[in-house]
PDB file of N, CA and C in Angstrom:
ATOM      1  N   MET A   1      59.392 -39.899  20.699  1.00  0.00           N
ATOM      2  CA  MET A   1      58.440 -38.711  21.167  1.00  0.00           C
ATOM      3  C   MET A   1      58.992 -38.082  20.010  1.00  0.00           C
ATOM      4  N   LYS A   2      60.470 -37.929  19.810  1.00  0.00           N
ATOM      5  CA  LYS A   2      60.765 -36.842  18.645  1.00  0.00           C
ATOM      6  C   LYS A   2      59.948 -37.242  17.496  1.00  0.00           C
ATOM      7  N   LYS A   3      59.806 -38.713  17.457  1.00  0.00           N
ATOM      8  CA  LYS A   3      58.566 -38.989  16.000  1.00  0.00           C
ATOM      9  C   LYS A   3      57.833 -38.724  15.903  1.00  0.00           C
ATOM     10  N   LEU A   4      57.088 -38.575  17.390  1.00  0.00           N
ATOM     11  CA  LEU A   4      55.805 -38.112  16.960  1.00  0.00           C
ATOM     12  C   LEU A   4      55.627 -36.541  17.098  1.00  0.00           C
ATOM     13  N   ALA A   5      56.158 -35.681  17.717  1.00  0.00           N
ATOM     14  CA  ALA A   5      56.472 -34.253  18.161  1.00  0.00           C
ATOM     15  C   ALA A   5      56.415 -33.783  16.159  1.00  0.00           C
ATOM     16  N   PHE A   6      57.194 -34.227  15.218  1.00  0.00           N
ATOM     17  CA  PHE A   6      57.132 -33.227  14.493  1.00  0.00           C
ATOM     18  C   PHE A   6      55.632 -33.478  13.128  1.00  0.00           C
ATOM     19  N   PRO A   7      55.100 -34.782  13.279  1.00  0.00           N
ATOM     20  CA  PRO A   7      53.813 -34.911  12.770  1.00  0.00           C
ATOM     21  C   PRO A   7      52.585 -33.873  13.012  1.00  0.00           C
ATOM     22  N   ILE A   8      52.956 -33.657  14.332  1.00  0.00           N
ATOM     23  CA  ILE A   8      52.053 -32.653  15.321  1.00  0.00           C
ATOM     24  C   ILE A   8      52.337 -31.099  14.676  1.00  0.00           C
ATOM     25  N   LEU A   9      53.790 -31.114  14.605  1.00  0.00           N
ATOM     26  CA  LEU A   9      53.767 -30.028  14.651  1.00  0.00           C
ATOM     27  C   LEU A   9      53.623 -29.437  13.127  1.00  0.00           C
ATOM     28  N   VAL A  10      53.941 -30.018  12.189  1.00  0.00           N
ATOM     29  CA  VAL A  10      53.046 -29.983  10.688  1.00  0.00           C
ATOM     30  C   VAL A  10      51.692 -29.796  10.826  1.00  0.00           C
ATOM     31  N   ALA A  11      50.839 -30.660  11.490  1.00  0.00           N
ATOM     32  CA  ALA A  11      49.830 -30.401  11.375  1.00  0.00           C
ATOM     33  C   ALA A  11      48.795 -29.177  12.284  1.00  0.00           C
ATOM     34  N   LEU A  12      49.605 -28.598  13.081  1.00  0.00           N
ATOM     35  CA  LEU A  12      49.293 -27.380  13.865  1.00  0.00           C
ATOM     36  C   LEU A  12      49.791 -26.350  13.298  1.00  0.00           C
ATOM     37  N   LEU A  13      50.508 -26.278  12.120  1.00  0.00           N
ATOM     38  CA  LEU A  13      51.144 -25.572  11.213  1.00  0.00           C
ATOM     39  C   LEU A  13      49.931 -25.544   9.771  1.00  0.00           C
ATOM     40  N   LEU A  14      49.755 -26.966   9.382  1.00  0.00           N
ATOM     41  CA  LEU A  14      48.545 -26.605   8.084  1.00  0.00           C
ATOM     42  C   LEU A  14      47.133 -25.916   8.614  1.00  0.00           C
ATOM     43  N   PHE A  15      46.892 -26.130   9.538  1.00  0.00           N
ATOM     44  CA  PHE A  15      45.373 -26.113  10.035  1.00  0.00           C
ATOM     45  C   PHE A  15      45.055 -24.306  10.776  1.00  0.00           C
ATOM     46  N   THR A  16      46.451 -24.138  11.650  1.00  0.00           N
ATOM     47  CA  THR A  16      45.921 -22.948  12.050  1.00  0.00           C
ATOM     48  C   THR A  16      46.291 -21.446  10.831  1.00  0.00           C
ATOM     49  N   GLY A  17      46.642 -22.168   9.689  1.00  0.00           N
ATOM     50  CA  GLY A  17      47.177 -20.759   8.603  1.00  0.00           C
ATOM     51  C   GLY A  17      45.524 -20.800   7.770  1.00  0.00           C
ATOM     52  N   CYS A  18      44.483 -21.383   8.048  1.00  0.00           N
ATOM     53  CA  CYS A  18      43.397 -21.517   6.928  1.00  0.00           C
ATOM     54  C   CYS A  18      42.332 -20.864   7.575  1.00  0.00           C
ATOM     55  N   ALA A  19      41.909 -19.289   7.050  1.00  0.00           N
ATOM     56  CA  ALA A  19      41.153 -18.698   7.576  1.00  0.00           C
ATOM     57  C   ALA A  19      39.705 -18.996   6.306  1.00  0.00           C
ATOM     58  N   ARG A  20      38.912 -19.697   6.881  1.00  0.00           N
ATOM     59  CA  ARG A  20      38.035 -19.696   5.903  1.00  0.00           C
ATOM     60  C   ARG A  20      36.729 -19.024   5.966  1.00  0.00           C
ATOM     61  N   HIS A  21      36.695 -17.734   7.077  1.00  0.00           N
ATOM     62  CA  HIS A  21      35.250 -17.188   6.711  1.00  0.00           C
ATOM     63  C   HIS A  21      36.046 -15.935   6.984  1.00  0.00           C
ATOM     64  N   TYR A  22      35.513 -14.627   6.783  1.00  0.00           N
ATOM     65  CA  TYR A  22      35.822 -13.456   6.579  1.00  0.00           C
ATOM     66  C   TYR A  22      34.749 -12.563   6.860  1.00  0.00           C
ATOM     67  N   ARG A  23      35.137 -11.090   7.324  1.00  0.00           N
ATOM     68  CA  ARG A  23      34.462 -10.417   7.844  1.00  0.00           C
ATOM     69  C   ARG A  23      34.395  -9.141   7.023  1.00  0.00           C
ATOM     70  N   ILE A  24      33.780  -8.303   6.401  1.00  0.00           N
ATOM     71  CA  ILE A  24      33.443  -7.146   5.756  1.00  0.00           C
ATOM     72  C   ILE A  24      33.157  -6.188   6.436  1.00  0.00           C
ATOM     73  N   THR A  25      33.375  -5.231   6.909  1.00  0.00           N
ATOM     74  CA  THR A  25      32.842  -4.161   7.441  1.00  0.00           C
ATOM     75  C   THR A  25      33.269  -2.850   6.741  1.00  0.00           C
ATOM     76  N   LEU A  26      31.666  -2.465   6.259  1.00  0.00           N
ATOM     77  CA  LEU A  26      31.303  -1.237   5.149  1.00  0.00           C
ATOM     78  C   LEU A  26      31.667   0.087   5.695  1.00  0.00           C
ATOM     79  N   THR A  27      31.671   0.585   5.183  1.00  0.00           N
ATOM     80  CA  THR A  27      31.598   2.292   5.784  1.00  0.00           C
ATOM     81  C   THR A  27      30.713   2.545   6.426  1.00  0.00           C
ATOM     82  N   ASN A  28      29.176   2.008   6.317  1.00  0.00           N
ATOM     83  CA  ASN A  28      28.474   2.540   7.826  1.00  0.00           C
ATOM     84  C   ASN A  28      27.989   1.614   8.738  1.00  0.00           C
ATOM     85  N   ASN A  29      29.724   0.587   8.512  1.00  0.00           N
ATOM     86  CA  ASN A  29      29.399  -0.246   9.833  1.00  0.00           C
ATOM     87  C   ASN A  29      28.469  -1.776  10.022  1.00  0.00           C
ATOM     88  N   HIS A  30      28.004  -1.965   8.849  1.00  0.00           N
ATOM     89  CA  HIS A  30      27.297  -3.100   8.552  1.00  0.00           C
ATOM     90  C   HIS A  30      28.439  -4.232   8.367  1.00  0.00           C
ATOM     91  N   VAL A  31      28.144  -5.238   9.082  1.00  0.00           N
ATOM     92  CA  VAL A  31      29.604  -6.154   8.831  1.00  0.00           C
ATOM     93  C   VAL A  31      28.653  -7.523   7.958  1.00  0.00           C
ATOM     94  N   ILE A  32      29.389  -7.852   6.969  1.00  0.00           N
ATOM     95  CA  ILE A  32      28.873  -8.827   5.742  1.00  0.00           C
ATOM     96  C   ILE A  32      29.906 -10.106   5.881  1.00  0.00           C
ATOM     97  N   THR A  33      29.500 -11.279   6.666  1.00  0.00           N
ATOM     98  CA  THR A  33      30.548 -12.552   6.990  1.00  0.00           C
ATOM     99  C   THR A  33      30.249 -13.267   5.869  1.00  0.00           C
ATOM    100  N   THR A  34      31.593 -13.718   4.861  1.00  0.00           N
ATOM    101  CA  THR A  34      31.803 -14.505   3.935  1.00  0.00           C
ATOM    102  C   THR A  34      32.540 -15.487   3.789  1.00  0.00           C
ATOM    103  N   THR A  35      31.773 -16.792   3.025  1.00  0.00           N
ATOM    104  CA  THR A  35      32.820 -17.940   3.026  1.00  0.00           C
ATOM    105  C   THR A  35      33.720 -18.244   1.984  1.00  0.00           C
ATOM    106  N   SER A  36      34.407 -17.352   1.559  1.00  0.00           N
ATOM    107  CA  SER A  36      35.451 -17.036   0.796  1.00  0.00           C
ATOM    108  C   SER A  36      36.345 -15.531   0.868  1.00  0.00           C
ATOM    109  N   LYS A  37      37.593 -15.408   0.643  1.00  0.00           N
ATOM    110  CA  LYS A  37      38.056 -14.422   0.905  1.00  0.00           C
ATOM    111  C   LYS A  37      38.125 -13.407  -0.311  1.00  0.00           C
ATOM    112  N   PRO A  38      37.874 -12.144   0.091  1.00  0.00           N
ATOM    113  CA  PRO A  38      36.957 -11.159  -1.401  1.00  0.00           C
ATOM    114  C   PRO A  38      38.373 -10.777  -1.739  1.00  0.00           C
ATOM    115  N   LYS A  39      38.142 -10.511  -3.320  1.00  0.00           N
ATOM    116  CA  LYS A  39      39.017 -10.438  -4.215  1.00  0.00           C
ATOM    117  C   LYS A  39      38.968  -9.233  -5.136  1.00  0.00           C
ATOM    118  N   LEU A  40      39.809  -8.273  -5.054  1.00  0.00           N
ATOM    119  CA  LEU A  40      39.925  -6.823  -5.819  1.00  0.00           C
ATOM    120  C   LEU A  40      39.489  -7.735  -7.743  1.00  0.00           C
ATOM    121  N   ASN A  41      38.441  -7.102  -8.130  1.00  0.00           N
ATOM    122  CA  ASN A  41      38.330  -7.697  -9.635  1.00  0.00           C
ATOM    123  C   ASN A  41      39.237  -6.605  -9.987  1.00  0.00           C
ATOM    124  N   LYS A  42      39.010  -6.820 -11.299  1.00  0.00           N
ATOM    125  CA  LYS A  42      40.270  -6.989 -12.616  1.00  0.00           C
ATOM    126  C   LYS A  42      40.633  -5.153 -12.558  1.00  0.00           C
ATOM    127  N   ASP A  43      39.243  -4.365 -12.461  1.00  0.00           N
ATOM    128  CA  ASP A  43      38.888  -2.773 -12.899  1.00  0.00           C
ATOM    129  C   ASP A  43      39.625  -1.867 -11.392  1.00  0.00           C
ATOM    130  N   GLY A  44      39.547  -2.911 -10.260  1.00  0.00           N
ATOM    131  CA  GLY A  44      40.078  -2.504  -9.187  1.00  0.00           C
ATOM    132  C   GLY A  44      38.597  -1.555  -8.618  1.00  0.00           C
ATOM    133  N   ASP A  45      37.763  -1.711  -8.749  1.00  0.00           N
ATOM    134  CA  ASP A  45      36.692  -1.342  -8.391  1.00  0.00           C
ATOM    135  C   ASP A  45      35.549  -1.400  -7.604  1.00  0.00           C
ATOM    136  N   ALA A  46      35.782  -3.253  -7.336  1.00  0.00           N
ATOM    137  CA  ALA A  46      34.721  -3.891  -6.679  1.00  0.00           C
ATOM    138  C   ALA A  46      35.418  -5.217  -6.055  1.00  0.00           C
ATOM    139  N   PHE A  47      35.253  -5.376  -4.572  1.00  0.00           N
ATOM    140  CA  PHE A  47      35.441  -6.787  -4.128  1.00  0.00           C
ATOM    141  C   PHE A  47      34.219  -7.942  -4.451  1.00  0.00           C
ATOM    142  N   VAL A  48      34.610  -9.033  -4.996  1.00  0.00           N
ATOM    143  CA  VAL A  48      33.925 -10.203  -5.641  1.00  0.00           C
ATOM    144  C   VAL A  48      34.586 -11.322  -4.371  1.00  0.00           C
ATOM    145  N   PHE A  49      33.437 -12.050  -3.548  1.00  0.00           N
ATOM    146  CA  PHE A  49      33.316 -13.041  -2.920  1.00  0.00           C
ATOM    147  C   PHE A  49      31.937 -13.808  -3.012  1.00  0.00           C
ATOM    148  N   LYS A  50      32.013 -15.234  -2.040  1.00  0.00           N
ATOM    149  CA  LYS A  50      30.481 -15.748  -1.876  1.00  0.00           C
ATOM    150  C   LYS A  50      30.205 -15.510  -0.416  1.00  0.00           C
ATOM    151  N   ASP A  51      28.588 -15.376  -0.599  1.00  0.00           N
ATOM    152  CA  ASP A  51      28.202 -15.008   1.050  1.00  0.00           C
ATOM    153  C   ASP A  51      28.103 -16.256   1.861  1.00  0.00           C
ATOM    154  N   ARG A  52      27.064 -15.991   2.609  1.00  0.00           N
ATOM    155  CA  ARG A  52      26.787 -17.466   3.308  1.00  0.00           C
ATOM    156  C   ARG A  52      26.478 -18.551   3.029  1.00  0.00           C
ATOM    157  N   THR A  53      25.590 -17.920   2.049  1.00  0.00           N
ATOM    158  CA  THR A  53      24.706 -18.885   0.803  1.00  0.00           C
ATOM    159  C   THR A  53      25.658 -19.389  -0.128  1.00  0.00           C
ATOM    160  N   GLY A  54      26.370 -19.028  -0.780  1.00  0.00           N
ATOM    161  CA  GLY A  54      27.666 -19.760  -1.398  1.00  0.00           C
ATOM    162  C   GLY A  54      27.339 -18.976  -2.823  1.00  0.00           C
ATOM    163  N   ARG A  55      26.448 -17.869  -2.806  1.00  0.00           N
ATOM    164  CA  ARG A  55      26.195 -17.024  -3.893  1.00  0.00           C
ATOM    165  C   ARG A  55      27.293 -15.999  -4.538  1.00  0.00           C
ATOM    166  N   LEU A  56      27.609 -15.695  -5.745  1.00  0.00           N
ATOM    167  CA  LEU A  56      28.775 -15.025  -6.050  1.00  0.00           C
ATOM    168  C   LEU A  56      28.201 -13.466  -5.759  1.00  0.00           C
ATOM    169  N   MET A  57      28.948 -12.778  -4.678  1.00  0.00           N
ATOM    170  CA  MET A  57      28.530 -10.939  -4.818  1.00  0.00           C
ATOM    171  C   MET A  57      29.376 -10.370  -5.223  1.00  0.00           C
ATOM    172  N   ALA A  58      29.191  -8.978  -5.038  1.00  0.00           N
ATOM    173  CA  ALA A  58      30.143  -7.715  -5.137  1.00  0.00           C
ATOM    174  C   ALA A  58      29.927  -6.667  -4.416  1.00  0.00           C
ATOM    175  N   LEU A  59      30.443  -5.956  -4.125  1.00  0.00           N
ATOM    176  CA  LEU A  59      30.519  -4.980  -3.174  1.00  0.00           C
ATOM    177  C   LEU A  59      31.231  -3.728  -3.906  1.00  0.00           C
ATOM    178  N   PRO A  60      31.116  -2.791  -3.985  1.00  0.00           N
ATOM    179  CA  PRO A  60      32.269  -1.357  -4.732  1.00  0.00           C
ATOM    180  C   PRO A  60      33.176  -1.266  -3.435  1.00  0.00           C
ATOM    181  N   ALA A  61      34.179  -0.841  -3.868  1.00  0.00           N
ATOM    182  CA  ALA A  61      35.390  -0.938  -3.088  1.00  0.00           C
ATOM    183  C   ALA A  61      35.282   0.437  -2.238  1.00  0.00           C
ATOM    184  N   GLY A  62      34.885   1.554  -2.950  1.00  0.00           N
ATOM    185  CA  GLY A  62      34.755   2.711  -2.139  1.00  0.00           C
ATOM    186  C   GLY A  62      33.390   2.618  -0.781  1.00  0.00           C
ATOM    187  N   SER A  63      33.236   1.388  -0.365  1.00  0.00           N
ATOM    188  CA  SER A  63      31.693   1.094   0.372  1.00  0.00           C
ATOM    189  C   SER A  63      32.606   0.240   1.285  1.00  0.00           C
ATOM    190  N   VAL A  64      33.836  -0.328   1.391  1.00  0.00           N
ATOM    191  CA  VAL A  64      34.159  -1.129   2.336  1.00  0.00           C
ATOM    192  C   VAL A  64      35.580  -0.271   3.031  1.00  0.00           C
ATOM    193  N   LYS A  65      34.816  -0.550   4.678  1.00  0.00           N
ATOM    194  CA  LYS A  65      36.257  -0.241   5.476  1.00  0.00           C
ATOM    195  C   LYS A  65      37.380  -1.100   5.816  1.00  0.00           C
ATOM    196  N   GLN A  66      37.046  -2.450   6.061  1.00  0.00           N
ATOM    197  CA  GLN A  66      37.950  -3.176   6.365  1.00  0.00           C
ATOM    198  C   GLN A  66      37.400  -4.881   6.119  1.00  0.00           C
ATOM    199  N   ILE A  67      38.350  -5.567   5.857  1.00  0.00           N
ATOM    200  CA  ILE A  67      38.225  -6.926   5.444  1.00  0.00           C
ATOM    201  C   ILE A  67      39.117  -7.902   6.510  1.00  0.00           C
ATOM    202  N   GLU A  68      38.982  -8.732   7.429  1.00  0.00           N
ATOM    203  CA  GLU A  68      39.396  -9.258   8.254  1.00  0.00           C
ATOM    204  C   GLU A  68      38.905 -10.833   8.272  1.00  0.00           C
ATOM    205  N   PRO A  69      40.084 -11.618   8.771  1.00  0.00           N
ATOM    206  CA  PRO A  69      39.403 -13.272   8.688  1.00  0.00           C
ATOM    207  C   PRO A  69      38.624 -12.894  10.444  1.00  0.00           C
ATOM    208  N   ALA A  70      37.493 -13.896  10.319  1.00  0.00           N
ATOM    209  CA  ALA A  70      36.615 -13.981  11.298  1.00  0.00           C
ATOM    210  C   ALA A  70      37.487 -14.370  12.326  1.00  0.00           C
ATOM    211  N   SER A  71      38.051 -15.447  12.121  1.00  0.00           N
ATOM    212  CA  SER A  71      38.424 -15.625  13.678  1.00  0.00           C
ATOM    213  C   SER A  71      39.426 -14.720  14.355  1.00  0.00           C
ATOM    214  N   HIS A  72      39.395 -13.568  14.041  1.00  0.00           N
ATOM    215  CA  HIS A  72      40.446 -12.081  14.631  1.00  0.00           C
ATOM    216  C   HIS A  72      39.619 -11.443  15.136  1.00  0.00           C
ATOM    217  N   THR A  73      38.417 -11.520  15.065  1.00  0.00           N
ATOM    218  CA  THR A  73      37.485 -10.441  15.257  1.00  0.00           C
ATOM    219  C   THR A  73      37.063 -10.845  17.156  1.00  0.00           C
ATOM    220  N   PRO A  74      37.104 -10.142  17.961  1.00  0.00           N
ATOM    221  CA  PRO A  74      36.850 -10.231  19.040  1.00  0.00           C
ATOM    222  C   PRO A  74      35.107 -10.662  19.349  1.00  0.00           C
ATOM    223  N   THR A  75      34.775 -11.351  20.406  1.00  0.00           N
ATOM    224  CA  THR A  75      33.610 -11.163  20.428  1.00  0.00           C
ATOM    225  C   THR A  75      32.995 -10.130  21.078  1.00  0.00           C
ATOM    226  N   GLU A  76      31.976  -9.657  20.666  1.00  0.00           N
ATOM    227  CA  GLU A  76      30.754  -8.660  21.155  1.00  0.00           C
ATOM    228  C   GLU A  76      30.255  -8.954  22.481  1.00  0.00           C
ATOM    229  N   GLU A  77      30.709  -8.556  23.377  1.00  0.00           N
ATOM    230  CA  GLU A  77      29.842  -8.407  24.580  1.00  0.00           C
ATOM    231  C   GLU A  77      29.039  -7.364  24.751  1.00  0.00           C
ATOM    232  N   PRO A  78      27.262  -7.512  25.077  1.00  0.00           N
ATOM    233  CA  PRO A  78      26.092  -6.752  25.033  1.00  0.00           C
ATOM    234  C   PRO A  78      26.185  -5.522  25.880  1.00  0.00           C
ATOM    235  N   MET A  79      26.059  -4.509  25.597  1.00  0.00           N
ATOM    236  CA  MET A  79      26.204  -3.319  26.177  1.00  0.00           C
ATOM    237  C   MET A  79      25.398  -3.147  27.852  1.00  0.00           C
ATOM    238  N   PHE A  80      24.217  -3.649  27.901  1.00  0.00           N
ATOM    239  CA  PHE A  80      23.433  -4.085  28.844  1.00  0.00           C
ATOM    240  C   PHE A  80      23.312  -5.618  29.521  1.00  0.00           C
ATOM    241  N   LYS A  81      23.756  -5.746  30.220  1.00  0.00           N
ATOM    242  CA  LYS A  81      23.605  -7.537  30.900  1.00  0.00           C
ATOM    243  C   LYS A  81      22.124  -7.562  31.556  1.00  0.00           C
ATOM    244  N   PRO A  82      21.574  -8.391  31.132  1.00  0.00           N
ATOM    245  CA  PRO A  82      20.129  -8.828  31.959  1.00  0.00           C
ATOM    246  C   PRO A  82      20.885  -9.090  33.445  1.00  0.00           C
ATOM    247  N   LYS A  83      19.871  -8.979  34.456  1.00  0.00           N
ATOM    248  CA  LYS A  83      19.846  -9.023  35.922  1.00  0.00           C
ATOM    249  C   LYS A  83      19.873 -10.429  36.197  1.00  0.00           C
TER     250      LYS A  83
END
């Protein structure tokens, strides 16, 4: 049992730390989902990332409100539920 527990523990630690998708919330509350972690460019005035289609994009740093892994965002429930 102990021989099996260690590889399982290592595998869990490796797979839980990998956040692949990120959500960027803009100051106007629009949300952009990315496939790479947004990075601040050398000048510090824009975030550079790849969007869902794999294209390289840039956003001005002043328009970004929040960046978080997509796995950490709660699922949104509809305001009005149909009967």
